[in-house]
Amino acid sequence: MLEEPILTADAEVGFCHELRGDFRLVGDLGGHEDEYAIAAEQYETVENDLGWSSEPYIEDAIIVPVELADSVGFTLGEDERNRIMYLSLEDRIEYKRNQFPEIIDRVIENGNWDSEFV
């Protein structure tokens, strides 16, 4: 067990809670709202959203939700897509809080999604 946390910056801590929320939502475990709320609190303090959003691990984690959205008719406009993918971690987590549960429900109803990655 680690004695010291590896990820300590607010953006990193927020990102970990964002992922926990994603897994809790997709796994139907409940509690995703709480995880997203913690992520939102952390993201509020981030000064360089663009810099953090371009970190490969953070950048890659938004691709699947956006692709899922596209696959079930929640297609994003170019401005909104850029904002949640690159410009604002706060907008990103708000998008997930407000849209991702319905997107996941639609994906499950459809039974699968077309993906260029899978």
PDB file of N, CA and C in Angstrom:
ATOM      1  N   MET A   1       0.842  -1.170   0.000  1.00  0.00           N
ATOM      2  CA  MET A   1       0.000   0.000   0.000  1.00  0.00           C
ATOM      3  C   MET A   1       0.892   1.240   0.000  1.00  0.00           C
ATOM      4  N   LEU A   2       0.501   2.229  -0.783  1.00  0.00           N
ATOM      5  CA  LEU A   2       1.273   3.458  -0.868  1.00  0.00           C
ATOM      6  C   LEU A   2       1.040   4.330   0.357  1.00  0.00           C
ATOM      7  N   GLU A   3       2.129   4.894   0.868  1.00  0.00           N
ATOM      8  CA  GLU A   3       1.988   5.787   2.013  1.00  0.00           C
ATOM      9  C   GLU A   3       1.676   7.209   1.579  1.00  0.00           C
ATOM     10  N   GLU A   4       2.204   7.623   0.439  1.00  0.00           N
ATOM     11  CA  GLU A   4       1.985   8.972  -0.066  1.00  0.00           C
ATOM     12  C   GLU A   4       1.216   8.899  -1.375  1.00  0.00           C
ATOM     13  N   PRO A   5       0.244   9.777  -1.540  1.00  0.00           N
ATOM     14  CA  PRO A   5      -0.473   9.774  -2.827  1.00  0.00           C
ATOM     15  C   PRO A   5       0.455  10.152  -3.975  1.00  0.00           C
ATOM     16  N   ILE A   6       0.237   9.526  -5.118  1.00  0.00           N
ATOM     17  CA  ILE A   6       1.040   9.810  -6.305  1.00  0.00           C
ATOM     18  C   ILE A   6       0.502  11.045  -7.013  1.00  0.00           C
ATOM     19  N   LEU A   7      -0.814  11.143  -7.106  1.00  0.00           N
ATOM     20  CA  LEU A   7      -1.447  12.265  -7.786  1.00  0.00           C
ATOM     21  C   LEU A   7      -1.935  13.250  -6.728  1.00  0.00           C
ATOM     22  N   THR A   8      -1.415  14.468  -6.774  1.00  0.00           N
ATOM     23  CA  THR A   8      -1.758  15.415  -5.718  1.00  0.00           C
ATOM     24  C   THR A   8      -2.305  16.744  -6.234  1.00  0.00           C
ATOM     25  N   ALA A   9      -2.064  17.077  -7.494  1.00  0.00           N
ATOM     26  CA  ALA A   9      -2.582  18.333  -8.031  1.00  0.00           C
ATOM     27  C   ALA A   9      -4.104  18.252  -8.102  1.00  0.00           C
ATOM     28  N   ASP A  10      -4.763  19.396  -7.947  1.00  0.00           N
ATOM     29  CA  ASP A  10      -6.228  19.413  -7.958  1.00  0.00           C
ATOM     30  C   ASP A  10      -6.803  18.773  -9.213  1.00  0.00           C
ATOM     31  N   ALA A  11      -6.202  19.036 -10.368  1.00  0.00           N
ATOM     32  CA  ALA A  11      -6.698  18.451 -11.618  1.00  0.00           C
ATOM     33  C   ALA A  11      -6.564  16.934 -11.592  1.00  0.00           C
ATOM     34  N   GLU A  12      -5.482  16.424 -11.033  1.00  0.00           N
ATOM     35  CA  GLU A  12      -5.278  14.975 -10.969  1.00  0.00           C
ATOM     36  C   GLU A  12      -6.258  14.322  -9.999  1.00  0.00           C
ATOM     37  N   VAL A  13      -6.451  14.939  -8.850  1.00  0.00           N
ATOM     38  CA  VAL A  13      -7.399  14.411  -7.866  1.00  0.00           C
ATOM     39  C   VAL A  13      -8.807  14.435  -8.462  1.00  0.00           C
ATOM     40  N   GLY A  14      -9.163  15.547  -9.107  1.00  0.00           N
ATOM     41  CA  GLY A  14     -10.464  15.636  -9.760  1.00  0.00           C
ATOM     42  C   GLY A  14     -10.631  14.570 -10.819  1.00  0.00           C
ATOM     43  N   PHE A  15      -9.591  14.363 -11.599  1.00  0.00           N
ATOM     44  CA  PHE A  15      -9.639  13.358 -12.661  1.00  0.00           C
ATOM     45  C   PHE A  15      -9.873  11.958 -12.086  1.00  0.00           C
ATOM     46  N   CYS A  16      -9.211  11.633 -10.994  1.00  0.00           N
ATOM     47  CA  CYS A  16      -9.413  10.320 -10.368  1.00  0.00           C
ATOM     48  C   CYS A  16     -10.864  10.144  -9.935  1.00  0.00           C
ATOM     49  N   HIS A  17     -11.452  11.187  -9.369  1.00  0.00           N
ATOM     50  CA  HIS A  17     -12.855  11.098  -8.959  1.00  0.00           C
ATOM     51  C   HIS A  17     -13.780  11.052 -10.174  1.00  0.00           C
ATOM     52  N   GLU A  18     -13.414  11.751 -11.231  1.00  0.00           N
ATOM     53  CA  GLU A  18     -14.192  11.687 -12.467  1.00  0.00           C
ATOM     54  C   GLU A  18     -14.229  10.250 -12.987  1.00  0.00           C
ATOM     55  N   LEU A  19     -13.075   9.596 -13.023  1.00  0.00           N
ATOM     56  CA  LEU A  19     -13.023   8.199 -13.487  1.00  0.00           C
ATOM     57  C   LEU A  19     -13.799   7.272 -12.568  1.00  0.00           C
ATOM     58  N   ARG A  20     -13.678   7.498 -11.275  1.00  0.00           N
ATOM     59  CA  ARG A  20     -14.457   6.681 -10.327  1.00  0.00           C
ATOM     60  C   ARG A  20     -15.944   6.846 -10.606  1.00  0.00           C
ATOM     61  N   GLY A  21     -16.353   8.077 -10.879  1.00  0.00           N
ATOM     62  CA  GLY A  21     -17.755   8.329 -11.220  1.00  0.00           C
ATOM     63  C   GLY A  21     -18.161   7.599 -12.483  1.00  0.00           C
ATOM     64  N   ASP A  22     -17.292   7.643 -13.497  1.00  0.00           N
ATOM     65  CA  ASP A  22     -17.577   6.938 -14.751  1.00  0.00           C
ATOM     66  C   ASP A  22     -17.775   5.442 -14.499  1.00  0.00           C
ATOM     67  N   PHE A  23     -16.860   4.839 -13.755  1.00  0.00           N
ATOM     68  CA  PHE A  23     -16.951   3.396 -13.496  1.00  0.00           C
ATOM     69  C   PHE A  23     -18.180   3.066 -12.658  1.00  0.00           C
ATOM     70  N   ARG A  24     -18.494   3.900 -11.686  1.00  0.00           N
ATOM     71  CA  ARG A  24     -19.678   3.663 -10.860  1.00  0.00           C
ATOM     72  C   ARG A  24     -20.954   3.783 -11.693  1.00  0.00           C
ATOM     73  N   LEU A  25     -20.967   4.747 -12.616  1.00  0.00           N
ATOM     74  CA  LEU A  25     -22.133   4.928 -13.486  1.00  0.00           C
ATOM     75  C   LEU A  25     -22.283   3.749 -14.443  1.00  0.00           C
ATOM     76  N   VAL A  26     -21.226   3.424 -15.153  1.00  0.00           N
ATOM     77  CA  VAL A  26     -21.285   2.349 -16.141  1.00  0.00           C
ATOM     78  C   VAL A  26     -21.550   1.003 -15.455  1.00  0.00           C
ATOM     79  N   GLY A  27     -20.982   0.805 -14.290  1.00  0.00           N
ATOM     80  CA  GLY A  27     -21.192  -0.448 -13.561  1.00  0.00           C
ATOM     81  C   GLY A  27     -22.493  -0.485 -12.782  1.00  0.00           C
ATOM     82  N   ASP A  28     -23.276   0.601 -12.845  1.00  0.00           N
ATOM     83  CA  ASP A  28     -24.552   0.693 -12.144  1.00  0.00           C
ATOM     84  C   ASP A  28     -24.379   0.429 -10.652  1.00  0.00           C
ATOM     85  N   LEU A  29     -23.328   1.012 -10.076  1.00  0.00           N
ATOM     86  CA  LEU A  29     -23.012   0.811  -8.663  1.00  0.00           C
ATOM     87  C   LEU A  29     -23.576   1.908  -7.769  1.00  0.00           C
ATOM     88  N   GLY A  30     -24.069   2.987  -8.383  1.00  0.00           N
ATOM     89  CA  GLY A  30     -24.523   4.134  -7.604  1.00  0.00           C
ATOM     90  C   GLY A  30     -23.337   4.942  -7.113  1.00  0.00           C
ATOM     91  N   GLY A  31     -23.604   6.137  -6.660  1.00  0.00           N
ATOM     92  CA  GLY A  31     -22.544   6.978  -6.107  1.00  0.00           C
ATOM     93  C   GLY A  31     -21.778   7.786  -7.133  1.00  0.00           C
ATOM     94  N   HIS A  32     -22.118   7.664  -8.414  1.00  0.00           N
ATOM     95  CA  HIS A  32     -21.376   8.427  -9.422  1.00  0.00           C
ATOM     96  C   HIS A  32     -21.583   9.922  -9.238  1.00  0.00           C
ATOM     97  N   GLU A  33     -22.767  10.326  -8.755  1.00  0.00           N
ATOM     98  CA  GLU A  33     -23.024  11.754  -8.546  1.00  0.00           C
ATOM     99  C   GLU A  33     -22.054  12.333  -7.524  1.00  0.00           C
ATOM    100  N   ASP A  34     -21.806  11.574  -6.464  1.00  0.00           N
ATOM    101  CA  ASP A  34     -20.881  12.037  -5.422  1.00  0.00           C
ATOM    102  C   ASP A  34     -19.466  12.179  -5.969  1.00  0.00           C
ATOM    103  N   GLU A  35     -19.044  11.216  -6.774  1.00  0.00           N
ATOM    104  CA  GLU A  35     -17.704  11.275  -7.354  1.00  0.00           C
ATOM    105  C   GLU A  35     -17.580  12.463  -8.310  1.00  0.00           C
ATOM    106  N   TYR A  36     -18.601  12.677  -9.134  1.00  0.00           N
ATOM    107  CA  TYR A  36     -18.582  13.815 -10.050  1.00  0.00           C
ATOM    108  C   TYR A  36     -18.594  15.135  -9.281  1.00  0.00           C
ATOM    109  N   ALA A  37     -19.285  15.184  -8.160  1.00  0.00           N
ATOM    110  CA  ALA A  37     -19.313  16.410  -7.346  1.00  0.00           C
ATOM    111  C   ALA A  37     -17.930  16.721  -6.785  1.00  0.00           C
ATOM    112  N   ILE A  38     -17.232  15.698  -6.336  1.00  0.00           N
ATOM    113  CA  ILE A  38     -15.874  15.906  -5.824  1.00  0.00           C
ATOM    114  C   ILE A  38     -14.960  16.363  -6.958  1.00  0.00           C
ATOM    115  N   ALA A  39     -15.102  15.734  -8.128  1.00  0.00           N
ATOM    116  CA  ALA A  39     -14.301  16.147  -9.286  1.00  0.00           C
ATOM    117  C   ALA A  39     -14.569  17.610  -9.619  1.00  0.00           C
ATOM    118  N   ALA A  40     -15.836  18.000  -9.596  1.00  0.00           N
ATOM    119  CA  ALA A  40     -16.194  19.395  -9.908  1.00  0.00           C
ATOM    120  C   ALA A  40     -15.553  20.356  -8.920  1.00  0.00           C
ATOM    121  N   GLU A  41     -15.554  20.000  -7.639  1.00  0.00           N
ATOM    122  CA  GLU A  41     -14.919  20.847  -6.622  1.00  0.00           C
ATOM    123  C   GLU A  41     -13.423  21.010  -6.905  1.00  0.00           C
ATOM    124  N   GLN A  42     -12.784  19.921  -7.271  1.00  0.00           N
ATOM    125  CA  GLN A  42     -11.348  19.978  -7.570  1.00  0.00           C
ATOM    126  C   GLN A  42     -11.090  20.813  -8.822  1.00  0.00           C
ATOM    127  N   TYR A  43     -11.908  20.620  -9.848  1.00  0.00           N
ATOM    128  CA  TYR A  43     -11.709  21.324 -11.111  1.00  0.00           C
ATOM    129  C   TYR A  43     -11.935  22.828 -10.976  1.00  0.00           C
ATOM    130  N   GLU A  44     -12.757  23.245 -10.010  1.00  0.00           N
ATOM    131  CA  GLU A  44     -12.999  24.674  -9.806  1.00  0.00           C
ATOM    132  C   GLU A  44     -11.717  25.439  -9.488  1.00  0.00           C
ATOM    133  N   THR A  45     -10.749  24.762  -8.921  1.00  0.00           N
ATOM    134  CA  THR A  45      -9.516  25.431  -8.486  1.00  0.00           C
ATOM    135  C   THR A  45      -8.392  25.377  -9.519  1.00  0.00           C
ATOM    136  N   VAL A  46      -8.623  24.683 -10.624  1.00  0.00           N
ATOM    137  CA  VAL A  46      -7.583  24.517 -11.641  1.00  0.00           C
ATOM    138  C   VAL A  46      -7.446  25.800 -12.451  1.00  0.00           C
ATOM    139  N   GLU A  47      -6.208  26.265 -12.588  1.00  0.00           N
ATOM    140  CA  GLU A  47      -5.957  27.501 -13.318  1.00  0.00           C
ATOM    141  C   GLU A  47      -5.657  27.276 -14.797  1.00  0.00           C
ATOM    142  N   ASN A  48      -5.075  26.169 -15.163  1.00  0.00           N
ATOM    143  CA  ASN A  48      -4.660  25.940 -16.544  1.00  0.00           C
ATOM    144  C   ASN A  48      -5.402  24.742 -17.135  1.00  0.00           C
ATOM    145  N   ASP A  49      -6.689  24.927 -17.422  1.00  0.00           N
ATOM    146  CA  ASP A  49      -7.493  23.825 -17.964  1.00  0.00           C
ATOM    147  C   ASP A  49      -6.907  23.271 -19.254  1.00  0.00           C
ATOM    148  N   LEU A  50      -6.486  24.154 -20.144  1.00  0.00           N
ATOM    149  CA  LEU A  50      -5.957  23.722 -21.431  1.00  0.00           C
ATOM    150  C   LEU A  50      -4.729  22.832 -21.244  1.00  0.00           C
ATOM    151  N   GLY A  51      -3.856  23.220 -20.360  1.00  0.00           N
ATOM    152  CA  GLY A  51      -2.656  22.418 -20.091  1.00  0.00           C
ATOM    153  C   GLY A  51      -2.996  21.050 -19.541  1.00  0.00           C
ATOM    154  N   TRP A  52      -3.924  21.015 -18.577  1.00  0.00           N
ATOM    155  CA  TRP A  52      -4.311  19.729 -18.001  1.00  0.00           C
ATOM    156  C   TRP A  52      -5.088  18.885 -18.988  1.00  0.00           C
ATOM    157  N   SER A  53      -5.980  19.504 -19.755  1.00  0.00           N
ATOM    158  CA  SER A  53      -6.785  18.753 -20.719  1.00  0.00           C
ATOM    159  C   SER A  53      -5.934  18.089 -21.788  1.00  0.00           C
ATOM    160  N   SER A  54      -4.762  18.639 -22.032  1.00  0.00           N
ATOM    161  CA  SER A  54      -3.893  18.057 -23.054  1.00  0.00           C
ATOM    162  C   SER A  54      -2.970  16.966 -22.503  1.00  0.00           C
ATOM    163  N   GLU A  55      -3.020  16.732 -21.193  1.00  0.00           N
ATOM    164  CA  GLU A  55      -2.277  15.592 -20.650  1.00  0.00           C
ATOM    165  C   GLU A  55      -2.898  14.323 -21.259  1.00  0.00           C
ATOM    166  N   PRO A  56      -2.070  13.431 -21.802  1.00  0.00           N
ATOM    167  CA  PRO A  56      -2.624  12.270 -22.525  1.00  0.00           C
ATOM    168  C   PRO A  56      -3.651  11.466 -21.736  1.00  0.00           C
ATOM    169  N   TYR A  57      -3.407  11.219 -20.473  1.00  0.00           N
ATOM    170  CA  TYR A  57      -4.349  10.401 -19.715  1.00  0.00           C
ATOM    171  C   TYR A  57      -5.673  11.132 -19.488  1.00  0.00           C
ATOM    172  N   ILE A  58      -5.652  12.431 -19.340  1.00  0.00           N
ATOM    173  CA  ILE A  58      -6.891  13.196 -19.169  1.00  0.00           C
ATOM    174  C   ILE A  58      -7.585  13.372 -20.518  1.00  0.00           C
ATOM    175  N   GLU A  59      -6.817  13.664 -21.535  1.00  0.00           N
ATOM    176  CA  GLU A  59      -7.378  13.847 -22.879  1.00  0.00           C
ATOM    177  C   GLU A  59      -8.060  12.568 -23.365  1.00  0.00           C
ATOM    178  N   ASP A  60      -7.398  11.445 -23.211  1.00  0.00           N
ATOM    179  CA  ASP A  60      -7.935  10.181 -23.710  1.00  0.00           C
ATOM    180  C   ASP A  60      -9.220   9.765 -23.000  1.00  0.00           C
ATOM    181  N   ALA A  61      -9.384  10.139 -21.756  1.00  0.00           N
ATOM    182  CA  ALA A  61     -10.542   9.692 -20.978  1.00  0.00           C
ATOM    183  C   ALA A  61     -11.851  10.336 -21.413  1.00  0.00           C
ATOM    184  N   ILE A  62     -11.820  11.405 -22.180  1.00  0.00           N
ATOM    185  CA  ILE A  62     -13.067  12.035 -22.629  1.00  0.00           C
ATOM    186  C   ILE A  62     -13.493  11.509 -23.996  1.00  0.00           C
ATOM    187  N   ILE A  63     -12.600  10.818 -24.693  1.00  0.00           N
ATOM    188  CA  ILE A  63     -12.920  10.335 -26.038  1.00  0.00           C
ATOM    189  C   ILE A  63     -14.088   9.355 -26.020  1.00  0.00           C
ATOM    190  N   VAL A  64     -14.085   8.403 -25.103  1.00  0.00           N
ATOM    191  CA  VAL A  64     -15.154   7.400 -25.066  1.00  0.00           C
ATOM    192  C   VAL A  64     -16.510   8.031 -24.758  1.00  0.00           C
ATOM    193  N   PRO A  65     -16.641   8.889 -23.743  1.00  0.00           N
ATOM    194  CA  PRO A  65     -17.957   9.516 -23.531  1.00  0.00           C
ATOM    195  C   PRO A  65     -18.450  10.312 -24.737  1.00  0.00           C
ATOM    196  N   VAL A  66     -17.556  11.017 -25.418  1.00  0.00           N
ATOM    197  CA  VAL A  66     -17.964  11.780 -26.599  1.00  0.00           C
ATOM    198  C   VAL A  66     -18.381  10.834 -27.723  1.00  0.00           C
ATOM    199  N   GLU A  67     -17.634   9.766 -27.901  1.00  0.00           N
ATOM    200  CA  GLU A  67     -17.981   8.789 -28.932  1.00  0.00           C
ATOM    201  C   GLU A  67     -19.305   8.099 -28.601  1.00  0.00           C
ATOM    202  N   LEU A  68     -19.516   7.773 -27.334  1.00  0.00           N
ATOM    203  CA  LEU A  68     -20.788   7.189 -26.930  1.00  0.00           C
ATOM    204  C   LEU A  68     -21.942   8.148 -27.214  1.00  0.00           C
ATOM    205  N   ALA A  69     -21.724   9.414 -26.908  1.00  0.00           N
ATOM    206  CA  ALA A  69     -22.754  10.431 -27.164  1.00  0.00           C
ATOM    207  C   ALA A  69     -23.099  10.461 -28.647  1.00  0.00           C
ATOM    208  N   ASP A  70     -22.078  10.492 -29.479  1.00  0.00           N
ATOM    209  CA  ASP A  70     -22.308  10.515 -30.928  1.00  0.00           C
ATOM    210  C   ASP A  70     -23.089   9.275 -31.384  1.00  0.00           C
ATOM    211  N   SER A  71     -22.772   8.135 -30.794  1.00  0.00           N
ATOM    212  CA  SER A  71     -23.377   6.874 -31.248  1.00  0.00           C
ATOM    213  C   SER A  71     -24.859   6.762 -30.914  1.00  0.00           C
ATOM    214  N   VAL A  72     -25.335   7.557 -29.953  1.00  0.00           N
ATOM    215  CA  VAL A  72     -26.750   7.465 -29.567  1.00  0.00           C
ATOM    216  C   VAL A  72     -27.507   8.772 -29.806  1.00  0.00           C
ATOM    217  N   GLY A  73     -26.961   9.600 -30.686  1.00  0.00           N
ATOM    218  CA  GLY A  73     -27.677  10.800 -31.089  1.00  0.00           C
ATOM    219  C   GLY A  73     -27.505  12.016 -30.215  1.00  0.00           C
ATOM    220  N   PHE A  74     -26.530  12.019 -29.333  1.00  0.00           N
ATOM    221  CA  PHE A  74     -26.221  13.181 -28.509  1.00  0.00           C
ATOM    222  C   PHE A  74     -25.053  13.946 -29.117  1.00  0.00           C
ATOM    223  N   THR A  75     -25.048  14.074 -30.410  1.00  0.00           N
ATOM    224  CA  THR A  75     -23.932  14.691 -31.101  1.00  0.00           C
ATOM    225  C   THR A  75     -23.717  16.108 -30.594  1.00  0.00           C
ATOM    226  N   LEU A  76     -22.487  16.417 -30.309  1.00  0.00           N
ATOM    227  CA  LEU A  76     -22.114  17.732 -29.793  1.00  0.00           C
ATOM    228  C   LEU A  76     -21.773  18.674 -30.935  1.00  0.00           C
ATOM    229  N   GLY A  77     -22.120  19.940 -30.757  1.00  0.00           N
ATOM    230  CA  GLY A  77     -21.649  20.947 -31.694  1.00  0.00           C
ATOM    231  C   GLY A  77     -20.153  21.125 -31.533  1.00  0.00           C
ATOM    232  N   GLU A  78     -19.516  21.666 -32.536  1.00  0.00           N
ATOM    233  CA  GLU A  78     -18.053  21.816 -32.508  1.00  0.00           C
ATOM    234  C   GLU A  78     -17.581  22.655 -31.319  1.00  0.00           C
ATOM    235  N   ASP A  79     -18.289  23.738 -31.008  1.00  0.00           N
ATOM    236  CA  ASP A  79     -17.896  24.586 -29.872  1.00  0.00           C
ATOM    237  C   ASP A  79     -17.993  23.837 -28.558  1.00  0.00           C
ATOM    238  N   GLU A  80     -19.098  23.123 -28.368  1.00  0.00           N
ATOM    239  CA  GLU A  80     -19.269  22.369 -27.123  1.00  0.00           C
ATOM    240  C   GLU A  80     -18.245  21.241 -27.032  1.00  0.00           C
ATOM    241  N   ARG A  81     -18.015  20.567 -28.145  1.00  0.00           N
ATOM    242  CA  ARG A  81     -17.027  19.483 -28.168  1.00  0.00           C
ATOM    243  C   ARG A  81     -15.642  20.003 -27.767  1.00  0.00           C
ATOM    244  N   ASN A  82     -15.223  21.106 -28.339  1.00  0.00           N
ATOM    245  CA  ASN A  82     -13.921  21.689 -27.994  1.00  0.00           C
ATOM    246  C   ASN A  82     -13.861  22.111 -26.535  1.00  0.00           C
ATOM    247  N   ARG A  83     -14.967  22.684 -26.049  1.00  0.00           N
ATOM    248  CA  ARG A  83     -14.988  23.161 -24.669  1.00  0.00           C
ATOM    249  C   ARG A  83     -14.821  22.011 -23.687  1.00  0.00           C
ATOM    250  N   ILE A  84     -15.570  20.925 -23.880  1.00  0.00           N
ATOM    251  CA  ILE A  84     -15.473  19.833 -22.908  1.00  0.00           C
ATOM    252  C   ILE A  84     -14.252  18.950 -23.121  1.00  0.00           C
ATOM    253  N   MET A  85     -13.710  18.949 -24.323  1.00  0.00           N
ATOM    254  CA  MET A  85     -12.538  18.113 -24.568  1.00  0.00           C
ATOM    255  C   MET A  85     -11.225  18.824 -24.248  1.00  0.00           C
ATOM    256  N   TYR A  86     -11.185  20.140 -24.416  1.00  0.00           N
ATOM    257  CA  TYR A  86      -9.895  20.819 -24.318  1.00  0.00           C
ATOM    258  C   TYR A  86      -9.867  22.064 -23.446  1.00  0.00           C
ATOM    259  N   LEU A  87     -10.973  22.776 -23.342  1.00  0.00           N
ATOM    260  CA  LEU A  87     -10.895  24.123 -22.781  1.00  0.00           C
ATOM    261  C   LEU A  87     -11.334  24.257 -21.331  1.00  0.00           C
ATOM    262  N   SER A  88     -12.196  23.376 -20.849  1.00  0.00           N
ATOM    263  CA  SER A  88     -12.720  23.573 -19.501  1.00  0.00           C
ATOM    264  C   SER A  88     -12.993  22.246 -18.808  1.00  0.00           C
ATOM    265  N   LEU A  89     -12.222  21.978 -17.772  1.00  0.00           N
ATOM    266  CA  LEU A  89     -12.466  20.777 -16.978  1.00  0.00           C
ATOM    267  C   LEU A  89     -13.799  20.888 -16.238  1.00  0.00           C
ATOM    268  N   GLU A  90     -14.161  22.103 -15.834  1.00  0.00           N
ATOM    269  CA  GLU A  90     -15.448  22.307 -15.162  1.00  0.00           C
ATOM    270  C   GLU A  90     -16.610  21.997 -16.105  1.00  0.00           C
ATOM    271  N   ASP A  91     -16.541  22.468 -17.345  1.00  0.00           N
ATOM    272  CA  ASP A  91     -17.598  22.167 -18.314  1.00  0.00           C
ATOM    273  C   ASP A  91     -17.640  20.684 -18.630  1.00  0.00           C
ATOM    274  N   ARG A  92     -16.477  20.068 -18.655  1.00  0.00           N
ATOM    275  CA  ARG A  92     -16.394  18.636 -18.930  1.00  0.00           C
ATOM    276  C   ARG A  92     -17.147  17.845 -17.872  1.00  0.00           C
ATOM    277  N   ILE A  93     -16.892  18.141 -16.601  1.00  0.00           N
ATOM    278  CA  ILE A  93     -17.545  17.363 -15.550  1.00  0.00           C
ATOM    279  C   ILE A  93     -19.031  17.711 -15.477  1.00  0.00           C
ATOM    280  N   GLU A  94     -19.399  18.941 -15.776  1.00  0.00           N
ATOM    281  CA  GLU A  94     -20.818  19.294 -15.804  1.00  0.00           C
ATOM    282  C   GLU A  94     -21.527  18.552 -16.935  1.00  0.00           C
ATOM    283  N   TYR A  95     -20.863  18.426 -18.059  1.00  0.00           N
ATOM    284  CA  TYR A  95     -21.425  17.658 -19.172  1.00  0.00           C
ATOM    285  C   TYR A  95     -21.679  16.216 -18.727  1.00  0.00           C
ATOM    286  N   LYS A  96     -20.692  15.629 -18.078  1.00  0.00           N
ATOM    287  CA  LYS A  96     -20.861  14.256 -17.620  1.00  0.00           C
ATOM    288  C   LYS A  96     -21.969  14.159 -16.574  1.00  0.00           C
ATOM    289  N   ARG A  97     -22.009  15.104 -15.661  1.00  0.00           N
ATOM    290  CA  ARG A  97     -23.040  15.071 -14.623  1.00  0.00           C
ATOM    291  C   ARG A  97     -24.439  15.158 -15.224  1.00  0.00           C
ATOM    292  N   ASN A  98     -24.600  15.976 -16.236  1.00  0.00           N
ATOM    293  CA  ASN A  98     -25.921  16.244 -16.798  1.00  0.00           C
ATOM    294  C   ASN A  98     -26.317  15.310 -17.931  1.00  0.00           C
ATOM    295  N   GLN A  99     -25.352  14.818 -18.698  1.00  0.00           N
ATOM    296  CA  GLN A  99     -25.675  14.057 -19.906  1.00  0.00           C
ATOM    297  C   GLN A  99     -25.267  12.586 -19.862  1.00  0.00           C
ATOM    298  N   PHE A 100     -24.181  12.271 -19.197  1.00  0.00           N
ATOM    299  CA  PHE A 100     -23.630  10.921 -19.286  1.00  0.00           C
ATOM    300  C   PHE A 100     -24.592   9.835 -18.790  1.00  0.00           C
ATOM    301  N   PRO A 101     -25.359  10.044 -17.706  1.00  0.00           N
ATOM    302  CA  PRO A 101     -26.288   8.984 -17.307  1.00  0.00           C
ATOM    303  C   PRO A 101     -27.292   8.627 -18.414  1.00  0.00           C
ATOM    304  N   GLU A 102     -27.835   9.616 -19.088  1.00  0.00           N
ATOM    305  CA  GLU A 102     -28.782   9.330 -20.162  1.00  0.00           C
ATOM    306  C   GLU A 102     -28.080   8.686 -21.359  1.00  0.00           C
ATOM    307  N   ILE A 103     -26.874   9.118 -21.637  1.00  0.00           N
ATOM    308  CA  ILE A 103     -26.109   8.519 -22.737  1.00  0.00           C
ATOM    309  C   ILE A 103     -25.881   7.032 -22.451  1.00  0.00           C
ATOM    310  N   ILE A 104     -25.470   6.712 -21.238  1.00  0.00           N
ATOM    311  CA  ILE A 104     -25.232   5.307 -20.866  1.00  0.00           C
ATOM    312  C   ILE A 104     -26.533   4.512 -20.975  1.00  0.00           C
ATOM    313  N   ASP A 105     -27.643   5.083 -20.504  1.00  0.00           N
ATOM    314  CA  ASP A 105     -28.929   4.394 -20.627  1.00  0.00           C
ATOM    315  C   ASP A 105     -29.244   4.084 -22.086  1.00  0.00           C
ATOM    316  N   ARG A 106     -29.019   5.039 -22.961  1.00  0.00           N
ATOM    317  CA  ARG A 106     -29.308   4.819 -24.390  1.00  0.00           C
ATOM    318  C   ARG A 106     -28.379   3.774 -25.000  1.00  0.00           C
ATOM    319  N   VAL A 107     -27.121   3.794 -24.612  1.00  0.00           N
ATOM    320  CA  VAL A 107     -26.182   2.792 -25.127  1.00  0.00           C
ATOM    321  C   VAL A 107     -26.637   1.401 -24.701  1.00  0.00           C
ATOM    322  N   ILE A 108     -27.043   1.263 -23.443  1.00  0.00           N
ATOM    323  CA  ILE A 108     -27.507  -0.040 -22.954  1.00  0.00           C
ATOM    324  C   ILE A 108     -28.764  -0.469 -23.696  1.00  0.00           C
ATOM    325  N   GLU A 109     -29.684   0.472 -23.914  1.00  0.00           N
ATOM    326  CA  GLU A 109     -30.902   0.153 -24.670  1.00  0.00           C
ATOM    327  C   GLU A 109     -30.569  -0.335 -26.082  1.00  0.00           C
ATOM    328  N   ASN A 110     -29.558   0.284 -26.694  1.00  0.00           N
ATOM    329  CA  ASN A 110     -29.158  -0.094 -28.050  1.00  0.00           C
ATOM    330  C   ASN A 110     -28.356  -1.392 -28.080  1.00  0.00           C
ATOM    331  N   GLY A 111     -27.821  -1.797 -26.958  1.00  0.00           N
ATOM    332  CA  GLY A 111     -27.095  -3.053 -26.875  1.00  0.00           C
ATOM    333  C   GLY A 111     -25.620  -2.966 -27.206  1.00  0.00           C
ATOM    334  N   ASN A 112     -25.194  -1.881 -27.816  1.00  0.00           N
ATOM    335  CA  ASN A 112     -23.789  -1.712 -28.162  1.00  0.00           C
ATOM    336  C   ASN A 112     -23.629  -0.364 -28.845  1.00  0.00           C
ATOM    337  N   TRP A 113     -22.396  -0.035 -29.200  1.00  0.00           N
ATOM    338  CA  TRP A 113     -22.173   1.180 -29.961  1.00  0.00           C
ATOM    339  C   TRP A 113     -21.120   0.936 -31.006  1.00  0.00           C
ATOM    340  N   ASP A 114     -21.226   1.661 -32.089  1.00  0.00           N
ATOM    341  CA  ASP A 114     -20.214   1.587 -33.142  1.00  0.00           C
ATOM    342  C   ASP A 114     -19.022   2.405 -32.703  1.00  0.00           C
ATOM    343  N   SER A 115     -17.866   1.795 -32.736  1.00  0.00           N
ATOM    344  CA  SER A 115     -16.668   2.480 -32.276  1.00  0.00           C
ATOM    345  C   SER A 115     -15.541   2.287 -33.272  1.00  0.00           C
ATOM    346  N   GLU A 116     -14.830   3.359 -33.489  1.00  0.00           N
ATOM    347  CA  GLU A 116     -13.640   3.240 -34.322  1.00  0.00           C
ATOM    348  C   GLU A 116     -12.467   2.697 -33.522  1.00  0.00           C
ATOM    349  N   PHE A 117     -12.607   2.599 -32.199  1.00  0.00           N
ATOM    350  CA  PHE A 117     -11.521   2.165 -31.336  1.00  0.00           C
ATOM    351  C   PHE A 117     -11.643   0.702 -30.916  1.00  0.00           C
ATOM    352  N   VAL A 118     -12.837   0.139 -31.010  1.00  0.00           N
ATOM    353  CA  VAL A 118     -13.042  -1.238 -30.524  1.00  0.00           C
ATOM    354  C   VAL A 118     -13.334  -2.142 -31.695  1.00  0.00           C
TER     355      VAL A 118
END
